[in-house]
PDB file of N, CA and C in Angstrom:
ATOM      1  N   MET A   1     -14.882  -2.476  -5.329  1.00  0.00           N
ATOM      2  CA  MET A   1     -14.330  -1.141  -5.452  1.00  0.00           C
ATOM      3  C   MET A   1     -13.372  -1.130  -6.645  1.00  0.00           C
ATOM      4  N   ASP A   2     -13.455  -0.095  -7.461  1.00  0.00           N
ATOM      5  CA  ASP A   2     -12.586  -0.031  -8.631  1.00  0.00           C
ATOM      6  C   ASP A   2     -11.186   0.465  -8.250  1.00  0.00           C
ATOM      7  N   ALA A   3     -10.234   0.181  -9.126  1.00  0.00           N
ATOM      8  CA  ALA A   3      -8.833   0.511  -8.850  1.00  0.00           C
ATOM      9  C   ALA A   3      -8.609   2.001  -8.585  1.00  0.00           C
ATOM     10  N   PRO A   4      -9.192   2.923  -9.388  1.00  0.00           N
ATOM     11  CA  PRO A   4      -8.959   4.340  -9.092  1.00  0.00           C
ATOM     12  C   PRO A   4      -9.407   4.749  -7.683  1.00  0.00           C
ATOM     13  N   SER A   5     -10.499   4.173  -7.213  1.00  0.00           N
ATOM     14  CA  SER A   5     -10.971   4.485  -5.849  1.00  0.00           C
ATOM     15  C   SER A   5     -10.001   3.948  -4.805  1.00  0.00           C
ATOM     16  N   ILE A   6      -9.428   2.791  -5.066  1.00  0.00           N
ATOM     17  CA  ILE A   6      -8.454   2.215  -4.127  1.00  0.00           C
ATOM     18  C   ILE A   6      -7.202   3.084  -4.077  1.00  0.00           C
ATOM     19  N   TYR A   7      -6.706   3.501  -5.241  1.00  0.00           N
ATOM     20  CA  TYR A   7      -5.531   4.384  -5.258  1.00  0.00           C
ATOM     21  C   TYR A   7      -5.821   5.683  -4.499  1.00  0.00           C
ATOM     22  N   GLN A   8      -7.035   6.188  -4.667  1.00  0.00           N
ATOM     23  CA  GLN A   8      -7.423   7.427  -3.984  1.00  0.00           C
ATOM     24  C   GLN A   8      -7.405   7.245  -2.463  1.00  0.00           C
ATOM     25  N   LYS A   9      -7.817   6.081  -1.986  1.00  0.00           N
ATOM     26  CA  LYS A   9      -7.787   5.806  -0.548  1.00  0.00           C
ATOM     27  C   LYS A   9      -6.375   5.481  -0.058  1.00  0.00           C
ATOM     28  N   LEU A  10      -5.545   4.899  -0.928  1.00  0.00           N
ATOM     29  CA  LEU A  10      -4.183   4.528  -0.537  1.00  0.00           C
ATOM     30  C   LEU A  10      -3.253   5.730  -0.416  1.00  0.00           C
ATOM     31  N   THR A  11      -3.429   6.726  -1.277  1.00  0.00           N
ATOM     32  CA  THR A  11      -2.487   7.848  -1.293  1.00  0.00           C
ATOM     33  C   THR A  11      -2.335   8.510   0.071  1.00  0.00           C
ATOM     34  N   PRO A  12      -3.413   8.869   0.785  1.00  0.00           N
ATOM     35  CA  PRO A  12      -3.205   9.470   2.109  1.00  0.00           C
ATOM     36  C   PRO A  12      -2.547   8.525   3.115  1.00  0.00           C
ATOM     37  N   VAL A  13      -2.772   7.223   2.968  1.00  0.00           N
ATOM     38  CA  VAL A  13      -2.123   6.249   3.852  1.00  0.00           C
ATOM     39  C   VAL A  13      -0.615   6.277   3.610  1.00  0.00           C
ATOM     40  N   PHE A  14      -0.213   6.236   2.345  1.00  0.00           N
ATOM     41  CA  PHE A  14       1.208   6.308   1.996  1.00  0.00           C
ATOM     42  C   PHE A  14       1.816   7.626   2.486  1.00  0.00           C
ATOM     43  N   GLN A  15       1.092   8.722   2.278  1.00  0.00           N
ATOM     44  CA  GLN A  15       1.601  10.030   2.692  1.00  0.00           C
ATOM     45  C   GLN A  15       1.820  10.094   4.195  1.00  0.00           C
ATOM     46  N   GLU A  16       0.916   9.501   4.957  1.00  0.00           N
ATOM     47  CA  GLU A  16       1.057   9.513   6.413  1.00  0.00           C
ATOM     48  C   GLU A  16       2.194   8.607   6.880  1.00  0.00           C
ATOM     49  N   VAL A  17       2.243   7.394   6.371  1.00  0.00           N
ATOM     50  CA  VAL A  17       3.268   6.439   6.808  1.00  0.00           C
ATOM     51  C   VAL A  17       4.667   6.950   6.473  1.00  0.00           C
ATOM     52  N   PHE A  18       4.822   7.521   5.273  1.00  0.00           N
ATOM     53  CA  PHE A  18       6.141   7.951   4.839  1.00  0.00           C
ATOM     54  C   PHE A  18       6.389   9.446   5.063  1.00  0.00           C
ATOM     55  N   ASP A  19       5.424  10.123   5.697  1.00  0.00           N
ATOM     56  CA  ASP A  19       5.554  11.537   6.042  1.00  0.00           C
ATOM     57  C   ASP A  19       5.967  12.367   4.823  1.00  0.00           C
ATOM     58  N   ASP A  20       5.221  12.183   3.723  1.00  0.00           N
ATOM     59  CA  ASP A  20       5.521  12.881   2.477  1.00  0.00           C
ATOM     60  C   ASP A  20       4.205  13.222   1.786  1.00  0.00           C
ATOM     61  N   VAL A  21       3.809  14.485   1.869  1.00  0.00           N
ATOM     62  CA  VAL A  21       2.524  14.903   1.293  1.00  0.00           C
ATOM     63  C   VAL A  21       2.526  14.871  -0.234  1.00  0.00           C
ATOM     64  N   ASN A  22       3.693  14.749  -0.841  1.00  0.00           N
ATOM     65  CA  ASN A  22       3.777  14.720  -2.298  1.00  0.00           C
ATOM     66  C   ASN A  22       3.758  13.304  -2.876  1.00  0.00           C
ATOM     67  N   LEU A  23       3.773  12.313  -2.009  1.00  0.00           N
ATOM     68  CA  LEU A  23       3.801  10.915  -2.460  1.00  0.00           C
ATOM     69  C   LEU A  23       2.430  10.508  -2.982  1.00  0.00           C
ATOM     70  N   ILE A  24       2.408   9.973  -4.182  1.00  0.00           N
ATOM     71  CA  ILE A  24       1.165   9.516  -4.806  1.00  0.00           C
ATOM     72  C   ILE A  24       1.269   8.008  -5.028  1.00  0.00           C
ATOM     73  N   ALA A  25       0.282   7.270  -4.565  1.00  0.00           N
ATOM     74  CA  ALA A  25       0.245   5.820  -4.746  1.00  0.00           C
ATOM     75  C   ALA A  25      -0.174   5.518  -6.182  1.00  0.00           C
ATOM     76  N   GLY A  26       0.789   5.094  -6.990  1.00  0.00           N
ATOM     77  CA  GLY A  26       0.519   4.713  -8.379  1.00  0.00           C
ATOM     78  C   GLY A  26       0.892   3.260  -8.585  1.00  0.00           C
ATOM     79  N   PRO A  27       0.479   2.674  -9.702  1.00  0.00           N
ATOM     80  CA  PRO A  27       0.670   1.235  -9.915  1.00  0.00           C
ATOM     81  C   PRO A  27       2.118   0.775  -9.931  1.00  0.00           C
ATOM     82  N   THR A  28       3.044   1.611 -10.365  1.00  0.00           N
ATOM     83  CA  THR A  28       4.438   1.168 -10.464  1.00  0.00           C
ATOM     84  C   THR A  28       5.275   1.547  -9.245  1.00  0.00           C
ATOM     85  N   LEU A  29       4.687   2.262  -8.301  1.00  0.00           N
ATOM     86  CA  LEU A  29       5.431   2.664  -7.098  1.00  0.00           C
ATOM     87  C   LEU A  29       5.861   1.431  -6.310  1.00  0.00           C
ATOM     88  N   SER A  30       7.124   1.414  -5.878  1.00  0.00           N
ATOM     89  CA  SER A  30       7.623   0.298  -5.084  1.00  0.00           C
ATOM     90  C   SER A  30       8.595   0.821  -4.034  1.00  0.00           C
ATOM     91  N   ALA A  31       9.052  -0.074  -3.172  1.00  0.00           N
ATOM     92  CA  ALA A  31       9.930   0.315  -2.069  1.00  0.00           C
ATOM     93  C   ALA A  31      11.194   1.012  -2.564  1.00  0.00           C
ATOM     94  N   LYS A  32      11.707   0.615  -3.720  1.00  0.00           N
ATOM     95  CA  LYS A  32      12.938   1.231  -4.222  1.00  0.00           C
ATOM     96  C   LYS A  32      12.739   2.701  -4.603  1.00  0.00           C
ATOM     97  N   ASP A  33      11.492   3.128  -4.775  1.00  0.00           N
ATOM     98  CA  ASP A  33      11.195   4.509  -5.164  1.00  0.00           C
ATOM     99  C   ASP A  33      11.062   5.455  -3.979  1.00  0.00           C
ATOM    100  N   VAL A  34      10.957   4.913  -2.765  1.00  0.00           N
ATOM    101  CA  VAL A  34      10.695   5.726  -1.578  1.00  0.00           C
ATOM    102  C   VAL A  34      11.824   5.484  -0.566  1.00  0.00           C
ATOM    103  N   PRO A  35      12.727   6.462  -0.393  1.00  0.00           N
ATOM    104  CA  PRO A  35      13.873   6.267   0.509  1.00  0.00           C
ATOM    105  C   PRO A  35      13.477   5.858   1.941  1.00  0.00           C
ATOM    106  N   GLU A  36      12.333   6.332   2.405  1.00  0.00           N
ATOM    107  CA  GLU A  36      11.892   6.037   3.778  1.00  0.00           C
ATOM    108  C   GLU A  36      11.252   4.661   3.916  1.00  0.00           C
ATOM    109  N   TRP A  37      11.106   3.933   2.810  1.00  0.00           N
ATOM    110  CA  TRP A  37      10.413   2.638   2.823  1.00  0.00           C
ATOM    111  C   TRP A  37      11.372   1.557   3.313  1.00  0.00           C
ATOM    112  N   ASP A  38      11.513   1.479   4.617  1.00  0.00           N
ATOM    113  CA  ASP A  38      12.344   0.452   5.236  1.00  0.00           C
ATOM    114  C   ASP A  38      11.435  -0.624   5.831  1.00  0.00           C
ATOM    115  N   SER A  39      12.035  -1.587   6.526  1.00  0.00           N
ATOM    116  CA  SER A  39      11.230  -2.702   7.036  1.00  0.00           C
ATOM    117  C   SER A  39      10.203  -2.256   8.070  1.00  0.00           C
ATOM    118  N   LEU A  40      10.564  -1.308   8.922  1.00  0.00           N
ATOM    119  CA  LEU A  40       9.620  -0.831   9.929  1.00  0.00           C
ATOM    120  C   LEU A  40       8.450  -0.098   9.273  1.00  0.00           C
ATOM    121  N   ASN A  41       8.755   0.786   8.338  1.00  0.00           N
ATOM    122  CA  ASN A  41       7.672   1.499   7.657  1.00  0.00           C
ATOM    123  C   ASN A  41       6.849   0.564   6.785  1.00  0.00           C
ATOM    124  N   HIS A  42       7.443  -0.512   6.309  1.00  0.00           N
ATOM    125  CA  HIS A  42       6.677  -1.493   5.538  1.00  0.00           C
ATOM    126  C   HIS A  42       5.605  -2.127   6.423  1.00  0.00           C
ATOM    127  N   ILE A  43       5.987  -2.478   7.630  1.00  0.00           N
ATOM    128  CA  ILE A  43       5.022  -3.044   8.586  1.00  0.00           C
ATOM    129  C   ILE A  43       3.939  -2.021   8.909  1.00  0.00           C
ATOM    130  N   ARG A  44       4.346  -0.778   9.167  1.00  0.00           N
ATOM    131  CA  ARG A  44       3.370   0.286   9.451  1.00  0.00           C
ATOM    132  C   ARG A  44       2.406   0.459   8.280  1.00  0.00           C
ATOM    133  N   LEU A  45       2.938   0.395   7.059  1.00  0.00           N
ATOM    134  CA  LEU A  45       2.113   0.551   5.866  1.00  0.00           C
ATOM    135  C   LEU A  45       1.091  -0.577   5.762  1.00  0.00           C
ATOM    136  N   VAL A  46       1.543  -1.808   5.928  1.00  0.00           N
ATOM    137  CA  VAL A  46       0.636  -2.959   5.827  1.00  0.00           C
ATOM    138  C   VAL A  46      -0.473  -2.873   6.875  1.00  0.00           C
ATOM    139  N   VAL A  47      -0.106  -2.565   8.103  1.00  0.00           N
ATOM    140  CA  VAL A  47      -1.097  -2.462   9.183  1.00  0.00           C
ATOM    141  C   VAL A  47      -2.085  -1.335   8.887  1.00  0.00           C
ATOM    142  N   SER A  48      -1.586  -0.210   8.395  1.00  0.00           N
ATOM    143  CA  SER A  48      -2.462   0.927   8.074  1.00  0.00           C
ATOM    144  C   SER A  48      -3.429   0.583   6.941  1.00  0.00           C
ATOM    145  N   ILE A  49      -2.931  -0.128   5.935  1.00  0.00           N
ATOM    146  CA  ILE A  49      -3.793  -0.522   4.813  1.00  0.00           C
ATOM    147  C   ILE A  49      -4.840  -1.532   5.275  1.00  0.00           C
ATOM    148  N   GLU A  50      -4.423  -2.489   6.089  1.00  0.00           N
ATOM    149  CA  GLU A  50      -5.386  -3.460   6.622  1.00  0.00           C
ATOM    150  C   GLU A  50      -6.483  -2.749   7.404  1.00  0.00           C
ATOM    151  N   SER A  51      -6.114  -1.764   8.178  1.00  0.00           N
ATOM    152  CA  SER A  51      -7.085  -1.010   8.968  1.00  0.00           C
ATOM    153  C   SER A  51      -8.005  -0.180   8.063  1.00  0.00           C
ATOM    154  N   GLU A  52      -7.433   0.490   7.095  1.00  0.00           N
ATOM    155  CA  GLU A  52      -8.210   1.349   6.181  1.00  0.00           C
ATOM    156  C   GLU A  52      -9.253   0.553   5.406  1.00  0.00           C
ATOM    157  N   PHE A  53      -8.875  -0.630   4.934  1.00  0.00           N
ATOM    158  CA  PHE A  53      -9.773  -1.424   4.091  1.00  0.00           C
ATOM    159  C   PHE A  53     -10.475  -2.554   4.850  1.00  0.00           C
ATOM    160  N   LYS A  54     -10.148  -2.686   6.135  1.00  0.00           N
ATOM    161  CA  LYS A  54     -10.740  -3.723   6.981  1.00  0.00           C
ATOM    162  C   LYS A  54     -10.541  -5.118   6.376  1.00  0.00           C
ATOM    163  N   ILE A  55      -9.270  -5.390   6.041  1.00  0.00           N
ATOM    164  CA  ILE A  55      -8.867  -6.677   5.481  1.00  0.00           C
ATOM    165  C   ILE A  55      -7.602  -7.139   6.199  1.00  0.00           C
ATOM    166  N   LYS A  56      -7.194  -8.374   5.949  1.00  0.00           N
ATOM    167  CA  LYS A  56      -5.945  -8.915   6.491  1.00  0.00           C
ATOM    168  C   LYS A  56      -5.165  -9.567   5.359  1.00  0.00           C
ATOM    169  N   PHE A  57      -3.852  -9.378   5.386  1.00  0.00           N
ATOM    170  CA  PHE A  57      -2.967 -10.015   4.422  1.00  0.00           C
ATOM    171  C   PHE A  57      -2.228 -11.160   5.098  1.00  0.00           C
ATOM    172  N   THR A  58      -1.906 -12.183   4.327  1.00  0.00           N
ATOM    173  CA  THR A  58      -1.042 -13.249   4.836  1.00  0.00           C
ATOM    174  C   THR A  58       0.413 -12.850   4.565  1.00  0.00           C
ATOM    175  N   ILE A  59       1.331 -13.509   5.251  1.00  0.00           N
ATOM    176  CA  ILE A  59       2.751 -13.251   5.016  1.00  0.00           C
ATOM    177  C   ILE A  59       3.095 -13.526   3.551  1.00  0.00           C
ATOM    178  N   GLY A  60       2.566 -14.598   3.004  1.00  0.00           N
ATOM    179  CA  GLY A  60       2.815 -14.930   1.605  1.00  0.00           C
ATOM    180  C   GLY A  60       2.342 -13.850   0.645  1.00  0.00           C
ATOM    181  N   GLU A  61       1.176 -13.298   0.927  1.00  0.00           N
ATOM    182  CA  GLU A  61       0.652 -12.224   0.080  1.00  0.00           C
ATOM    183  C   GLU A  61       1.539 -10.986   0.164  1.00  0.00           C
ATOM    184  N   ILE A  62       1.980 -10.674   1.357  1.00  0.00           N
ATOM    185  CA  ILE A  62       2.814  -9.482   1.558  1.00  0.00           C
ATOM    186  C   ILE A  62       4.137  -9.627   0.813  1.00  0.00           C
ATOM    187  N   THR A  63       4.758 -10.785   0.923  1.00  0.00           N
ATOM    188  CA  THR A  63       6.062 -10.970   0.288  1.00  0.00           C
ATOM    189  C   THR A  63       5.953 -11.097  -1.231  1.00  0.00           C
ATOM    190  N   ALA A  64       4.792 -11.488  -1.747  1.00  0.00           N
ATOM    191  CA  ALA A  64       4.622 -11.641  -3.195  1.00  0.00           C
ATOM    192  C   ALA A  64       4.424 -10.307  -3.908  1.00  0.00           C
ATOM    193  N   MET A  65       4.003  -9.270  -3.189  1.00  0.00           N
ATOM    194  CA  MET A  65       3.750  -7.972  -3.819  1.00  0.00           C
ATOM    195  C   MET A  65       5.060  -7.313  -4.240  1.00  0.00           C
ATOM    196  N   LYS A  66       5.103  -6.854  -5.489  1.00  0.00           N
ATOM    197  CA  LYS A  66       6.298  -6.192  -6.014  1.00  0.00           C
ATOM    198  C   LYS A  66       6.121  -4.686  -6.148  1.00  0.00           C
ATOM    199  N   ASN A  67       4.865  -4.236  -6.232  1.00  0.00           N
ATOM    200  CA  ASN A  67       4.601  -2.801  -6.379  1.00  0.00           C
ATOM    201  C   ASN A  67       3.169  -2.506  -5.929  1.00  0.00           C
ATOM    202  N   VAL A  68       2.799  -1.252  -5.998  1.00  0.00           N
ATOM    203  CA  VAL A  68       1.472  -0.848  -5.529  1.00  0.00           C
ATOM    204  C   VAL A  68       0.377  -1.418  -6.428  1.00  0.00           C
ATOM    205  N   GLY A  69       0.682  -1.638  -7.693  1.00  0.00           N
ATOM    206  CA  GLY A  69      -0.298  -2.270  -8.579  1.00  0.00           C
ATOM    207  C   GLY A  69      -0.678  -3.662  -8.088  1.00  0.00           C
ATOM    208  N   ASP A  70       0.322  -4.431  -7.637  1.00  0.00           N
ATOM    209  CA  ASP A  70       0.045  -5.752  -7.062  1.00  0.00           C
ATOM    210  C   ASP A  70      -0.810  -5.615  -5.800  1.00  0.00           C
ATOM    211  N   LEU A  71      -0.510  -4.612  -5.009  1.00  0.00           N
ATOM    212  CA  LEU A  71      -1.259  -4.363  -3.764  1.00  0.00           C
ATOM    213  C   LEU A  71      -2.719  -4.062  -4.080  1.00  0.00           C
ATOM    214  N   VAL A  72      -2.957  -3.217  -5.065  1.00  0.00           N
ATOM    215  CA  VAL A  72      -4.331  -2.851  -5.427  1.00  0.00           C
ATOM    216  C   VAL A  72      -5.093  -4.072  -5.933  1.00  0.00           C
ATOM    217  N   ALA A  73      -4.447  -4.903  -6.747  1.00  0.00           N
ATOM    218  CA  ALA A  73      -5.106  -6.125  -7.235  1.00  0.00           C
ATOM    219  C   ALA A  73      -5.492  -7.027  -6.085  1.00  0.00           C
ATOM    220  N   LEU A  74      -4.618  -7.133  -5.093  1.00  0.00           N
ATOM    221  CA  LEU A  74      -4.900  -7.965  -3.933  1.00  0.00           C
ATOM    222  C   LEU A  74      -6.033  -7.375  -3.097  1.00  0.00           C
ATOM    223  N   ILE A  75      -6.029  -6.075  -2.913  1.00  0.00           N
ATOM    224  CA  ILE A  75      -7.117  -5.416  -2.169  1.00  0.00           C
ATOM    225  C   ILE A  75      -8.445  -5.673  -2.876  1.00  0.00           C
ATOM    226  N   GLN A  76      -8.459  -5.568  -4.205  1.00  0.00           N
ATOM    227  CA  GLN A  76      -9.702  -5.801  -4.954  1.00  0.00           C
ATOM    228  C   GLN A  76     -10.234  -7.218  -4.723  1.00  0.00           C
ATOM    229  N   LYS A  77      -9.353  -8.191  -4.593  1.00  0.00           N
ATOM    230  CA  LYS A  77      -9.782  -9.563  -4.350  1.00  0.00           C
ATOM    231  C   LYS A  77     -10.379  -9.726  -2.961  1.00  0.00           C
ATOM    232  N   LYS A  78      -9.902  -8.918  -2.013  1.00  0.00           N
ATOM    233  CA  LYS A  78     -10.283  -9.108  -0.615  1.00  0.00           C
ATOM    234  C   LYS A  78     -11.513  -8.313  -0.180  1.00  0.00           C
ATOM    235  N   ILE A  79     -11.873  -7.288  -0.951  1.00  0.00           N
ATOM    236  CA  ILE A  79     -13.025  -6.482  -0.526  1.00  0.00           C
ATOM    237  C   ILE A  79     -14.251  -6.780  -1.368  1.00  0.00           C
TER     238      ILE A  79
END
C-alpha cells in the first residue's frame, strides 16, 4: 500500500481517537501537535491502527516512532 493511501486510512482513525474532525494525519504530525494526545489516547490510537491495518506493533516500534511519517513507514513494512 502506498503512503498516500495509508494517510487516507489513518486520518479517520486519528479523528475518532482524538474526537477532532479537523485533524489530518500528515507526516510531521506528532503528539506535541495534538493537545488530547496523552498516554491513554496513545494506547487507543495504537490499538485502533493495529485493528484498522490488521497488524501488531512491538513496544520497541511504538517507542521509536517520533511522528506520523515514522508510523506510515512502519505500517508499509508490516503490510
